Amino acid sequence: MGNKEGKFKKIFEEIDTSGDCKVSLDELINFLDPNQNEKLADLLMELDTTEINALAENVGGGVLNMGMKNDADQDGKFTFEEFFKAMKDNKDMNKLILKISDV
């Protein structure tokens, strides 16, 4: 497993709070909720209003796009392979996830 793929595997496991080896949109949204993710809350404290608004638009669209585009079997959850492909397809979401993960 490559270095970047290994990082995303750890992030995937961090997001998968149910432990079912799949990430639901709810788990992803919870990971991206500053009320539930202290690292994201800390990151937001460093940004100005314009940056926060741009981030919110990108994340909201990114999560919805991931759900429609990358859930190959349309079961409402991502396997690691689907999640990793989504991260490769959306560079902005990729950067954000890496910044707020524990990896």
C-alpha atoms as a PDB file:
ATOM      1  CA  MET A   1       0.000   0.000   0.000  1.00  0.00           C
ATOM      2  CA  GLY A   2       1.445   3.381  -1.021  1.00  0.00           C
ATOM      3  CA  ASN A   3       2.147   6.099   1.515  1.00  0.00           C
ATOM      4  CA  LYS A   4      -0.823   8.246   0.486  1.00  0.00           C
ATOM      5  CA  GLU A   5      -3.120   5.227   0.267  1.00  0.00           C
ATOM      6  CA  GLY A   6      -1.950   4.141   3.733  1.00  0.00           C
ATOM      7  CA  LYS A   7      -2.772   7.584   5.153  1.00  0.00           C
ATOM      8  CA  PHE A   8      -6.236   7.486   3.650  1.00  0.00           C
ATOM      9  CA  LYS A   9      -6.764   3.958   4.988  1.00  0.00           C
ATOM     10  CA  LYS A  10      -6.090   5.275   8.518  1.00  0.00           C
ATOM     11  CA  ILE A  11      -8.378   8.256   7.912  1.00  0.00           C
ATOM     12  CA  PHE A  12     -11.080   5.926   6.577  1.00  0.00           C
ATOM     13  CA  GLU A  13     -10.840   3.853   9.755  1.00  0.00           C
ATOM     14  CA  GLU A  14     -11.031   7.050  11.855  1.00  0.00           C
ATOM     15  CA  ILE A  15     -14.206   8.161  10.044  1.00  0.00           C
ATOM     16  CA  ASP A  16     -15.774   4.673  10.234  1.00  0.00           C
ATOM     17  CA  THR A  17     -17.121   5.042  13.757  1.00  0.00           C
ATOM     18  CA  SER A  18     -19.518   2.095  13.337  1.00  0.00           C
ATOM     19  CA  GLY A  19     -16.630  -0.264  12.624  1.00  0.00           C
ATOM     20  CA  ASP A  20     -18.431  -1.934   9.701  1.00  0.00           C
ATOM     21  CA  CYS A  21     -15.551  -1.230   7.267  1.00  0.00           C
ATOM     22  CA  LYS A  22     -17.758   1.205   5.359  1.00  0.00           C
ATOM     23  CA  VAL A  23     -18.201   4.962   5.711  1.00  0.00           C
ATOM     24  CA  SER A  24     -21.745   6.286   5.534  1.00  0.00           C
ATOM     25  CA  LEU A  25     -22.490   9.844   4.468  1.00  0.00           C
ATOM     26  CA  ASP A  26     -23.589  10.477   8.068  1.00  0.00           C
ATOM     27  CA  GLU A  27     -20.189   9.346   9.385  1.00  0.00           C
ATOM     28  CA  LEU A  28     -18.447  11.578   6.848  1.00  0.00           C
ATOM     29  CA  ILE A  29     -20.671  14.534   7.724  1.00  0.00           C
ATOM     30  CA  ASN A  30     -20.001  13.972  11.445  1.00  0.00           C
ATOM     31  CA  PHE A  31     -16.253  13.925  10.734  1.00  0.00           C
ATOM     32  CA  LEU A  32     -16.664  17.262   8.933  1.00  0.00           C
ATOM     33  CA  ASP A  33     -18.749  18.793  11.754  1.00  0.00           C
ATOM     34  CA  PRO A  34     -16.658  21.230  13.836  1.00  0.00           C
ATOM     35  CA  ASN A  35     -18.902  20.474  16.838  1.00  0.00           C
ATOM     36  CA  GLN A  36     -17.772  16.846  16.679  1.00  0.00           C
ATOM     37  CA  ASN A  37     -14.233  17.210  15.307  1.00  0.00           C
ATOM     38  CA  GLU A  38     -11.933  19.379  17.408  1.00  0.00           C
ATOM     39  CA  LYS A  39      -9.220  19.538  14.738  1.00  0.00           C
ATOM     40  CA  LEU A  40     -11.701  21.018  12.265  1.00  0.00           C
ATOM     41  CA  ALA A  41     -12.892  23.497  14.876  1.00  0.00           C
ATOM     42  CA  ASP A  42      -9.262  24.547  15.453  1.00  0.00           C
ATOM     43  CA  LEU A  43      -8.687  24.908  11.708  1.00  0.00           C
ATOM     44  CA  LEU A  44     -11.777  27.097  11.349  1.00  0.00           C
ATOM     45  CA  MET A  45     -10.460  29.417  14.068  1.00  0.00           C
ATOM     46  CA  GLU A  46      -7.496  30.192  11.787  1.00  0.00           C
ATOM     47  CA  LEU A  47      -9.649  31.181   8.780  1.00  0.00           C
ATOM     48  CA  ASP A  48     -11.412  34.436   7.959  1.00  0.00           C
ATOM     49  CA  THR A  49     -15.117  34.607   7.024  1.00  0.00           C
ATOM     50  CA  THR A  50     -14.472  34.481   3.268  1.00  0.00           C
ATOM     51  CA  GLU A  51     -12.319  31.364   3.639  1.00  0.00           C
ATOM     52  CA  ILE A  52     -14.892  29.698   5.893  1.00  0.00           C
ATOM     53  CA  ASN A  53     -17.704  30.416   3.405  1.00  0.00           C
ATOM     54  CA  ALA A  54     -15.649  29.028   0.504  1.00  0.00           C
ATOM     55  CA  LEU A  55     -14.790  25.960   2.567  1.00  0.00           C
ATOM     56  CA  ALA A  56     -18.445  25.390   3.517  1.00  0.00           C
ATOM     57  CA  GLU A  57     -19.567  25.584  -0.114  1.00  0.00           C
ATOM     58  CA  ASN A  58     -16.804  23.253  -1.238  1.00  0.00           C
ATOM     59  CA  VAL A  59     -17.346  20.724   1.541  1.00  0.00           C
ATOM     60  CA  GLY A  60     -21.118  20.652   1.123  1.00  0.00           C
ATOM     61  CA  GLY A  61     -20.851  20.187  -2.608  1.00  0.00           C
ATOM     62  CA  GLY A  62     -17.960  17.777  -2.196  1.00  0.00           C
ATOM     63  CA  VAL A  63     -19.838  15.505   0.190  1.00  0.00           C
ATOM     64  CA  LEU A  64     -22.937  15.424  -2.007  1.00  0.00           C
ATOM     65  CA  ASN A  65     -20.854  14.850  -5.127  1.00  0.00           C
ATOM     66  CA  MET A  66     -18.982  12.032  -3.418  1.00  0.00           C
ATOM     67  CA  GLY A  67     -22.260  10.419  -2.445  1.00  0.00           C
ATOM     68  CA  MET A  68     -23.702  10.498  -5.934  1.00  0.00           C
ATOM     69  CA  LYS A  69     -20.567   9.911  -7.982  1.00  0.00           C
ATOM     70  CA  ASN A  70     -18.365   7.552  -5.983  1.00  0.00           C
ATOM     71  CA  ASP A  71     -20.803   5.194  -4.279  1.00  0.00           C
ATOM     72  CA  ALA A  72     -20.452   2.572  -7.018  1.00  0.00           C
ATOM     73  CA  ASP A  73     -22.953   0.100  -5.569  1.00  0.00           C
ATOM     74  CA  GLN A  74     -25.350   2.876  -4.428  1.00  0.00           C
ATOM     75  CA  ASP A  75     -25.711   1.424  -0.929  1.00  0.00           C
ATOM     76  CA  GLY A  76     -25.256   4.808   0.776  1.00  0.00           C
ATOM     77  CA  LYS A  77     -21.837   3.823   2.157  1.00  0.00           C
ATOM     78  CA  PHE A  78     -18.280   3.944   0.881  1.00  0.00           C
ATOM     79  CA  THR A  79     -15.933   1.019   0.838  1.00  0.00           C
ATOM     80  CA  PHE A  80     -12.308   2.022   1.247  1.00  0.00           C
ATOM     81  CA  GLU A  81     -11.818   1.738  -2.527  1.00  0.00           C
ATOM     82  CA  GLU A  82     -14.772   4.078  -3.200  1.00  0.00           C
ATOM     83  CA  PHE A  83     -13.559   6.515  -0.528  1.00  0.00           C
ATOM     84  CA  PHE A  84      -9.987   6.529  -1.870  1.00  0.00           C
ATOM     85  CA  LYS A  85     -11.209   7.143  -5.425  1.00  0.00           C
ATOM     86  CA  ALA A  86     -13.362  10.027  -4.161  1.00  0.00           C
ATOM     87  CA  MET A  87     -10.326  11.541  -2.444  1.00  0.00           C
ATOM     88  CA  LYS A  88      -8.303  11.270  -5.657  1.00  0.00           C
ATOM     89  CA  ASP A  89     -11.147  12.863  -7.647  1.00  0.00           C
ATOM     90  CA  ASN A  90     -11.692  15.852  -5.308  1.00  0.00           C
ATOM     91  CA  LYS A  91      -8.380  17.550  -4.485  1.00  0.00           C
ATOM     92  CA  ASP A  92      -9.961  20.206  -2.232  1.00  0.00           C
ATOM     93  CA  MET A  93     -11.762  17.605  -0.112  1.00  0.00           C
ATOM     94  CA  ASN A  94      -8.573  15.531  -0.131  1.00  0.00           C
ATOM     95  CA  LYS A  95      -6.552  18.422   1.348  1.00  0.00           C
ATOM     96  CA  LEU A  96      -9.192  19.195   3.981  1.00  0.00           C
ATOM     97  CA  ILE A  97      -9.508  15.579   5.114  1.00  0.00           C
ATOM     98  CA  LEU A  98      -5.732  15.301   5.430  1.00  0.00           C
ATOM     99  CA  LYS A  99      -5.564  18.531   7.479  1.00  0.00           C
ATOM    100  CA  ILE A 100      -8.205  17.517   9.999  1.00  0.00           C
ATOM    101  CA  SER A 101      -7.356  13.855  10.404  1.00  0.00           C
ATOM    102  CA  ASP A 102      -5.189  12.389  13.136  1.00  0.00           C
ATOM    103  CA  VAL A 103      -2.797  10.931  10.526  1.00  0.00           C
END
